[in-house]
Amino acid sequence: MIATIPLHPDQFTAAPRELARFGGLDAIAFRYATGVAALRLANARGMVEILPFMGQIIWHGEFDGVRLGMESQFDSPREADSIIGTYGCLGFHSGLLANGVPTARDDHPVHGEFPVCAMDEAWLEVGSDNNGAFIRLCGARSYIAGFGPHYRATPSVTLHETGSMIGWTMRVENRSSFPMPLQYMAHLNPAFVEGAEICQPAPFTPDRTQVRQAVPAHVTPNPDYLALIDRLAQDPSAMRRLGQPEYDPEQVFYIREPAMDADGIAHLMLRRPEGDGIAVAYRPAQFPKLVRWILANGDTRVAAFALPSTCEPEGRAAELEKGNVIELAPGATAEFGLSFGYVDTQEAEALASAIAKIGG
């Protein structure tokens, strides 16, 4: 049985307020000094912080004292017209009508219209499943354009009582009488850790770990950068380990055909030098593409080692030409789900072995 608790913006004030307690789980509402409402879901091991009325962005996460998310110039979320105006989060929903960095041929915002959208409603669910007691933040957003697309999107974030992994989902229903273009990326932004190793169920060979060789408009290349891309195109294993303090400009890779376990799930991990790590698990049947984005400089440090997606992040026009844009039929629904979070040293060792056996 699941209990539901509606959420309202006036519950979120500068002073933290407990909204729900269920076993060893807490839901605490507060509002940043910037005015943005936030909800903290916490258990004995840590917490995850979500913006319930702003695209249900996952702003921050920390378990066993380890920060999961990127470093940036944003010390708190800000109201913004696009994700660029508040780019300091642990994760956001990229899409849904378009995804990625627009080119001169595109008219969509960076990473689409959804990331910072105002949610129509938000609510909490508490209950139990096979993994024990849980608390879940849910929300809904209806997008309507006159003579254009009409969809209802319902994301969720789930935390269990004893866990350090987070469940993250998105459901999109086409409510128009016409087909709807759909591009979706679960844009996770884990912390950059110098010396960390990427464990993936695909070899670090040029055909399976492909470096993006096209230089996007927002990157200003120099000879060293172009030479590095050429080297990585020949030997992408040079970035199996993040052995440099800086990677600037960014490096983007496409991981082709990652191997899956017996349940159809692909597992990846960013293993820290301490032996623990950050893990991601997803279904390639839902996310046919897997992207990697590494950037580390004086302002931004992020190791987005696993970005499950329906497409690549080159903008709508380019992805249409590649055949990477889903056409969602009238009345049809698309569902996406993954889990990510912290794994301790023992869990990381077991996961690294399992990934290696599957195909890493």
Protein backbone atom coordinates (compact mmCIF):
# COMPACT_ATOMS: atom_id res chain seq x y z
CA MET A 1 0.00 0.00 0.00
CA ILE A 2 1.28 3.47 -0.90
CA ALA A 3 0.31 6.69 0.88
CA THR A 4 0.27 9.95 -1.10
CA ILE A 5 1.03 13.42 0.27
CA PRO A 6 0.33 16.43 -1.99
CA LEU A 7 2.96 19.18 -2.01
CA HIS A 8 2.31 22.92 -2.33
CA PRO A 9 4.79 25.79 -2.87
CA ASP A 10 3.72 27.55 0.34
CA GLN A 11 5.04 24.59 2.37
CA PHE A 12 8.58 25.56 1.33
CA THR A 13 10.09 28.31 3.48
CA ALA A 14 13.58 29.44 4.47
CA ALA A 15 13.24 27.45 7.70
CA PRO A 16 13.39 23.69 6.98
CA ARG A 17 10.13 21.88 7.60
CA GLU A 18 9.61 18.14 7.96
CA LEU A 19 6.79 17.02 5.69
CA ALA A 20 6.93 13.27 6.21
CA ARG A 21 8.69 10.63 8.28
CA PHE A 22 8.46 6.95 7.43
CA GLY A 23 10.67 4.51 9.32
CA GLY A 24 14.22 5.75 8.86
CA LEU A 25 13.25 8.10 6.03
CA ASP A 26 12.59 11.84 6.16
CA ALA A 27 11.27 14.41 3.68
CA ILE A 28 12.29 17.96 4.54
CA ALA A 29 11.10 21.05 2.66
CA PHE A 30 13.04 24.29 2.51
CA ARG A 31 13.70 27.21 0.20
CA TYR A 32 17.08 28.48 -0.93
CA ALA A 33 17.95 32.16 -0.51
CA THR A 34 17.54 32.40 -4.29
CA GLY A 35 13.84 31.59 -3.82
CA VAL A 36 13.97 28.09 -5.30
CA ALA A 37 12.02 25.42 -3.40
CA ALA A 38 13.89 22.22 -2.53
CA LEU A 39 13.00 18.88 -0.98
CA ARG A 40 15.54 16.74 0.88
CA LEU A 41 14.90 12.99 1.02
CA ALA A 42 17.15 11.48 3.68
CA ASN A 43 18.01 8.20 5.35
CA ALA A 44 20.71 7.20 7.84
CA ARG A 45 23.39 7.04 5.11
CA GLY A 46 22.77 10.32 3.36
CA MET A 47 20.37 12.35 1.30
CA VAL A 48 19.29 13.57 -2.12
CA GLU A 49 18.00 17.08 -2.76
CA ILE A 50 15.44 17.72 -5.52
CA LEU A 51 13.75 20.86 -6.87
CA PRO A 52 10.12 19.67 -6.90
CA PHE A 53 8.65 22.57 -8.86
CA MET A 54 11.58 23.27 -11.23
CA GLY A 55 11.90 20.41 -13.68
CA GLN A 56 12.37 18.06 -10.69
CA ILE A 57 16.09 18.70 -11.04
CA ILE A 58 18.24 16.65 -8.68
CA TRP A 59 20.42 19.37 -7.21
CA HIS A 60 22.62 17.54 -4.73
CA GLY A 61 23.29 14.10 -3.31
CA GLU A 62 25.62 12.77 -0.62
CA PHE A 63 26.01 9.33 0.97
CA ASP A 64 28.50 8.07 3.56
CA GLY A 65 30.07 11.54 3.43
CA VAL A 66 30.78 11.35 -0.33
CA ARG A 67 29.38 14.11 -2.55
CA LEU A 68 27.94 12.66 -5.73
CA GLY A 69 27.50 15.74 -7.90
CA MET A 70 29.58 18.12 -9.98
CA GLU A 71 31.41 21.22 -8.81
CA SER A 72 30.46 24.51 -10.44
CA GLN A 73 30.15 28.23 -9.85
CA PHE A 74 26.54 27.73 -8.69
CA ASP A 75 26.44 27.27 -4.91
CA SER A 76 22.63 27.11 -5.06
CA PRO A 77 19.96 26.74 -7.75
CA ARG A 78 18.65 29.85 -9.50
CA GLU A 79 15.49 30.60 -11.40
CA ALA A 80 16.45 30.37 -15.07
CA ASP A 81 15.08 30.24 -18.60
CA SER A 82 17.34 27.32 -19.53
CA ILE A 83 19.58 24.84 -17.74
CA ILE A 84 22.62 27.03 -18.53
CA GLY A 85 21.33 29.56 -15.98
CA THR A 86 21.58 27.06 -13.11
CA TYR A 87 24.15 24.49 -14.28
CA GLY A 88 25.41 23.09 -10.99
CA CYS A 89 23.11 20.12 -10.47
CA LEU A 90 23.61 16.40 -9.98
CA GLY A 91 21.02 15.53 -12.61
CA PHE A 92 18.31 16.91 -14.87
CA HIS A 93 15.82 15.65 -17.44
CA SER A 94 17.12 16.70 -20.86
CA GLY A 95 14.54 16.97 -23.65
CA LEU A 96 11.79 16.24 -24.34
CA LEU A 97 10.97 17.66 -27.76
CA ALA A 98 14.66 18.30 -28.45
CA ASN A 99 17.92 17.45 -26.72
CA GLY A 100 21.51 18.54 -26.75
CA VAL A 101 23.33 21.64 -27.92
CA PRO A 102 21.48 23.48 -30.72
CA THR A 103 23.27 24.37 -33.93
CA ALA A 104 22.52 27.20 -36.35
CA ARG A 105 19.83 24.94 -37.83
CA ASP A 106 17.99 24.58 -34.50
CA ASP A 107 15.65 26.86 -32.56
CA HIS A 108 15.41 24.92 -29.29
CA PRO A 109 17.04 25.82 -25.95
CA VAL A 110 20.17 23.99 -24.79
CA HIS A 111 19.01 20.50 -23.74
CA GLY A 112 15.41 21.25 -24.61
CA GLU A 113 12.36 22.80 -22.99
CA PHE A 114 11.97 20.51 -19.95
CA PRO A 115 15.04 20.92 -17.65
CA VAL A 116 13.91 24.06 -15.77
CA CYS A 117 10.18 23.95 -16.52
CA ALA A 118 7.58 24.84 -13.89
CA MET A 119 5.93 21.64 -12.69
CA ASP A 120 2.12 21.66 -12.53
CA GLU A 121 2.03 19.52 -9.43
CA ALA A 122 4.24 17.55 -7.06
CA TRP A 123 3.55 14.92 -4.42
CA LEU A 124 5.22 12.42 -2.12
CA GLU A 125 4.59 8.69 -1.99
CA VAL A 126 5.62 6.48 0.94
CA GLY A 127 5.39 2.72 1.07
CA SER A 128 7.33 -0.55 0.92
CA ASP A 129 8.50 -2.85 -1.85
CA ASN A 130 10.95 -5.75 -2.23
CA ASN A 131 13.80 -3.43 -1.25
CA GLY A 132 12.11 -2.20 1.93
CA ALA A 133 10.56 1.10 2.94
CA PHE A 134 10.83 3.94 0.43
CA ILE A 135 9.93 7.57 -0.05
CA ARG A 136 9.35 8.95 -3.54
CA LEU A 137 8.96 12.42 -5.00
CA CYS A 138 6.65 12.52 -8.01
CA GLY A 139 5.51 15.32 -10.26
CA ALA A 140 3.60 16.16 -13.41
CA ARG A 141 3.98 18.70 -16.18
CA SER A 142 1.65 19.20 -19.14
CA TYR A 143 3.21 20.88 -22.15
CA ILE A 144 0.78 22.39 -24.64
CA ALA A 145 1.64 24.45 -27.74
CA GLY A 146 -1.12 25.87 -29.89
CA PHE A 147 -1.21 23.89 -33.15
CA GLY A 148 1.76 21.90 -31.83
CA PRO A 149 2.82 19.18 -29.37
CA HIS A 150 0.86 18.29 -26.25
CA TYR A 151 2.35 15.90 -23.71
CA ARG A 152 2.17 15.01 -20.02
CA ALA A 153 5.48 14.19 -18.34
CA THR A 154 5.66 12.50 -14.93
CA PRO A 155 9.14 12.13 -13.38
CA SER A 156 10.00 10.56 -10.02
CA VAL A 157 12.91 10.15 -7.57
CA THR A 158 12.95 7.26 -5.08
CA LEU A 159 15.10 6.65 -1.99
CA HIS A 160 14.95 3.49 0.15
CA GLU A 161 15.44 3.33 3.89
CA THR A 162 18.79 1.55 3.90
CA GLY A 163 20.09 2.31 0.42
CA SER A 164 22.54 4.69 -1.20
CA MET A 165 21.21 4.19 -4.72
CA ILE A 166 18.53 6.48 -6.15
CA GLY A 167 15.72 5.45 -8.50
CA TRP A 168 15.05 7.97 -11.26
CA THR A 169 12.23 7.71 -13.80
CA MET A 170 10.46 9.66 -16.53
CA ARG A 171 7.16 8.85 -18.21
CA VAL A 172 5.98 10.78 -21.29
CA GLU A 173 2.46 10.51 -22.73
CA ASN A 174 1.60 12.06 -26.09
CA ARG A 175 -1.80 13.71 -25.63
CA SER A 176 -1.93 15.20 -29.10
CA SER A 177 -3.79 13.77 -32.08
CA PHE A 178 -0.53 13.89 -34.02
CA PRO A 179 2.83 12.09 -33.64
CA MET A 180 5.28 13.75 -31.25
CA PRO A 181 9.07 13.97 -31.67
CA LEU A 182 10.81 12.69 -28.54
CA GLN A 183 14.45 13.07 -27.51
CA TYR A 184 15.35 12.26 -23.91
CA MET A 185 18.58 12.06 -21.96
CA ALA A 186 18.94 11.30 -18.25
CA HIS A 187 21.62 13.94 -17.75
CA LEU A 188 23.56 12.79 -14.68
CA ASN A 189 26.48 15.01 -13.62
CA PRO A 190 28.68 13.09 -11.16
CA ALA A 191 31.71 14.59 -9.45
CA PHE A 192 35.03 14.69 -11.26
CA VAL A 193 37.64 12.81 -9.21
CA GLU A 194 41.23 12.88 -10.38
CA GLY A 195 42.60 9.35 -10.54
CA ALA A 196 39.15 7.74 -10.81
CA GLU A 197 38.70 4.79 -13.18
CA ILE A 198 35.74 4.28 -15.49
CA CYS A 199 34.38 0.72 -15.45
CA GLN A 200 32.13 0.00 -18.45
CA PRO A 201 30.69 -3.11 -20.15
CA ALA A 202 32.31 -2.25 -23.48
CA PRO A 203 35.96 -2.27 -24.53
CA PHE A 204 37.94 0.97 -24.80
CA THR A 205 38.44 0.45 -28.50
CA PRO A 206 37.78 3.04 -31.25
CA ASP A 207 34.71 1.24 -32.52
CA ARG A 208 33.03 0.82 -29.11
CA THR A 209 34.23 3.95 -27.25
CA GLN A 210 34.10 6.63 -29.92
CA VAL A 211 35.35 10.12 -29.22
CA ARG A 212 33.24 12.93 -30.67
CA GLN A 213 35.45 14.47 -33.33
CA ALA A 214 33.08 17.23 -34.44
CA VAL A 215 33.76 20.40 -32.43
CA PRO A 216 30.52 22.02 -31.17
CA ALA A 217 29.93 25.76 -31.47
CA HIS A 218 30.36 26.40 -27.73
CA VAL A 219 33.91 24.98 -27.74
CA THR A 220 36.88 27.03 -28.93
CA PRO A 221 39.47 24.51 -30.11
CA ASN A 222 43.22 24.94 -30.08
CA PRO A 223 45.93 22.77 -31.68
CA ASP A 224 46.54 20.78 -28.46
CA TYR A 225 42.82 20.02 -28.13
CA LEU A 226 42.53 18.88 -31.74
CA ALA A 227 45.64 16.72 -31.36
CA LEU A 228 44.16 15.13 -28.23
CA ILE A 229 40.95 14.29 -30.09
CA ASP A 230 42.99 12.63 -32.82
CA ARG A 231 44.88 10.55 -30.24
CA LEU A 232 41.69 9.55 -28.44
CA ALA A 233 40.10 8.54 -31.73
CA GLN A 234 42.95 6.04 -32.14
CA ASP A 235 43.18 5.00 -28.48
CA PRO A 236 40.23 5.96 -26.25
CA SER A 237 41.66 3.84 -23.41
CA ALA A 238 43.77 6.89 -22.53
CA MET A 239 40.67 8.13 -20.70
CA ARG A 240 39.79 4.93 -18.88
CA ARG A 241 41.47 6.62 -15.92
CA LEU A 242 41.00 10.33 -15.27
CA GLY A 243 44.68 10.90 -14.70
CA GLN A 244 44.87 14.66 -15.27
CA PRO A 245 43.70 17.48 -13.00
CA GLU A 246 42.12 19.27 -15.97
CA TYR A 247 40.24 18.29 -19.13
CA ASP A 248 39.44 21.55 -20.89
CA PRO A 249 37.80 21.90 -23.38
CA GLU A 250 35.36 19.09 -22.76
CA GLN A 251 35.67 15.55 -24.06
CA VAL A 252 32.60 13.65 -25.29
CA PHE A 253 32.40 9.93 -26.11
CA TYR A 254 29.73 7.62 -27.48
CA ILE A 255 29.73 4.14 -25.93
CA ARG A 256 28.46 1.65 -28.50
CA GLU A 257 26.57 -1.56 -27.69
CA PRO A 258 27.29 -1.86 -23.96
CA ALA A 259 26.86 -5.42 -22.73
CA MET A 260 24.00 -6.26 -20.37
CA ASP A 261 23.47 -8.65 -17.49
CA ALA A 262 20.92 -11.46 -17.57
CA ASP A 263 18.14 -9.00 -16.71
CA GLY A 264 18.91 -6.69 -19.64
CA ILE A 265 20.61 -4.04 -17.50
CA ALA A 266 23.89 -2.29 -18.30
CA HIS A 267 26.10 -1.28 -15.35
CA LEU A 268 28.81 1.39 -15.25
CA MET A 269 30.88 2.84 -12.44
CA LEU A 270 33.24 5.70 -11.74
CA ARG A 271 35.57 4.07 -9.22
CA ARG A 272 37.33 6.50 -6.94
CA PRO A 273 40.99 6.07 -5.91
CA GLU A 274 39.72 5.26 -2.41
CA GLY A 275 38.10 2.09 -3.80
CA ASP A 276 34.47 3.15 -3.54
CA GLY A 277 32.51 4.66 -6.41
CA ILE A 278 29.48 6.13 -8.13
CA ALA A 279 27.36 3.62 -10.07
CA VAL A 280 24.73 3.80 -12.81
CA ALA A 281 22.43 1.00 -14.00
CA TYR A 282 19.96 1.32 -16.88
CA ARG A 283 18.22 -0.63 -19.65
CA PRO A 284 19.58 -0.12 -23.19
CA ALA A 285 16.16 -1.23 -24.45
CA GLN A 286 14.87 2.11 -23.10
CA PHE A 287 18.02 4.12 -23.77
CA PRO A 288 19.63 3.00 -27.06
CA LYS A 289 22.45 5.57 -26.78
CA LEU A 290 25.09 6.11 -24.10
CA VAL A 291 27.07 9.34 -23.94
CA ARG A 292 30.04 10.42 -21.80
CA TRP A 293 30.99 14.03 -21.00
CA ILE A 294 34.16 14.98 -19.10
CA LEU A 295 35.05 18.58 -18.21
CA ALA A 296 37.44 19.78 -15.52
CA ASN A 297 38.70 23.34 -15.21
CA GLY A 298 38.77 26.11 -12.63
CA ASP A 299 35.02 26.74 -12.86
CA THR A 300 33.41 23.39 -13.62
CA ARG A 301 34.42 19.84 -12.68
CA VAL A 302 32.18 17.03 -13.84
CA ALA A 303 32.63 13.40 -14.89
CA ALA A 304 29.34 12.50 -16.56
CA PHE A 305 30.61 9.01 -17.32
CA ALA A 306 27.19 7.55 -18.15
CA LEU A 307 24.44 9.58 -19.82
CA PRO A 308 21.75 7.13 -20.98
CA SER A 309 19.81 8.65 -23.85
CA THR A 310 17.55 8.03 -26.79
CA CYS A 311 19.83 10.12 -29.01
CA GLU A 312 23.15 11.90 -29.17
CA PRO A 313 23.49 15.50 -27.92
CA GLU A 314 24.04 17.29 -31.23
CA GLY A 315 20.69 19.10 -31.47
CA ARG A 316 17.39 18.27 -33.13
CA ALA A 317 18.38 18.78 -36.78
CA ALA A 318 21.47 16.56 -36.60
CA GLU A 319 19.66 13.84 -34.65
CA LEU A 320 16.80 13.83 -37.15
CA GLU A 321 19.30 13.20 -39.93
CA LYS A 322 20.82 10.32 -37.95
CA GLY A 323 17.40 8.77 -37.33
CA ASN A 324 17.74 9.26 -33.58
CA VAL A 325 14.44 11.07 -32.94
CA ILE A 326 11.58 8.91 -31.65
CA GLU A 327 8.14 9.49 -33.16
CA LEU A 328 5.71 8.91 -30.30
CA ALA A 329 2.29 7.99 -31.66
CA PRO A 330 -0.89 9.79 -30.52
CA GLY A 331 -1.93 8.45 -27.14
CA ALA A 332 1.29 6.44 -26.75
CA THR A 333 3.53 6.47 -23.69
CA ALA A 334 7.31 6.15 -23.35
CA GLU A 335 8.85 5.14 -20.02
CA PHE A 336 12.43 5.47 -18.85
CA GLY A 337 14.10 4.40 -15.61
CA LEU A 338 17.53 3.99 -14.09
CA SER A 339 19.29 3.84 -10.76
CA PHE A 340 22.42 5.64 -9.66
CA GLY A 341 24.25 6.46 -6.48
CA TYR A 342 27.05 5.55 -4.14
CA VAL A 343 28.68 2.13 -3.71
CA ASP A 344 31.10 1.42 -0.87
CA THR A 345 34.46 -0.29 -1.34
CA GLN A 346 33.10 -3.82 -1.02
CA GLU A 347 30.18 -3.12 -3.36
CA ALA A 348 32.48 -1.40 -5.84
CA GLU A 349 34.86 -4.36 -5.95
CA ALA A 350 31.98 -6.75 -6.68
CA LEU A 351 30.54 -4.40 -9.30
CA ALA A 352 33.90 -3.93 -11.05
CA SER A 353 34.27 -7.72 -11.29
CA ALA A 354 30.76 -8.14 -12.63
CA ILE A 355 31.24 -5.45 -15.28
CA ALA A 356 34.52 -7.02 -16.38
CA LYS A 357 32.87 -10.43 -16.74
CA ILE A 358 29.95 -9.04 -18.73
CA GLY A 359 32.14 -7.32 -21.25
CA GLY A 360 34.20 -4.44 -19.86
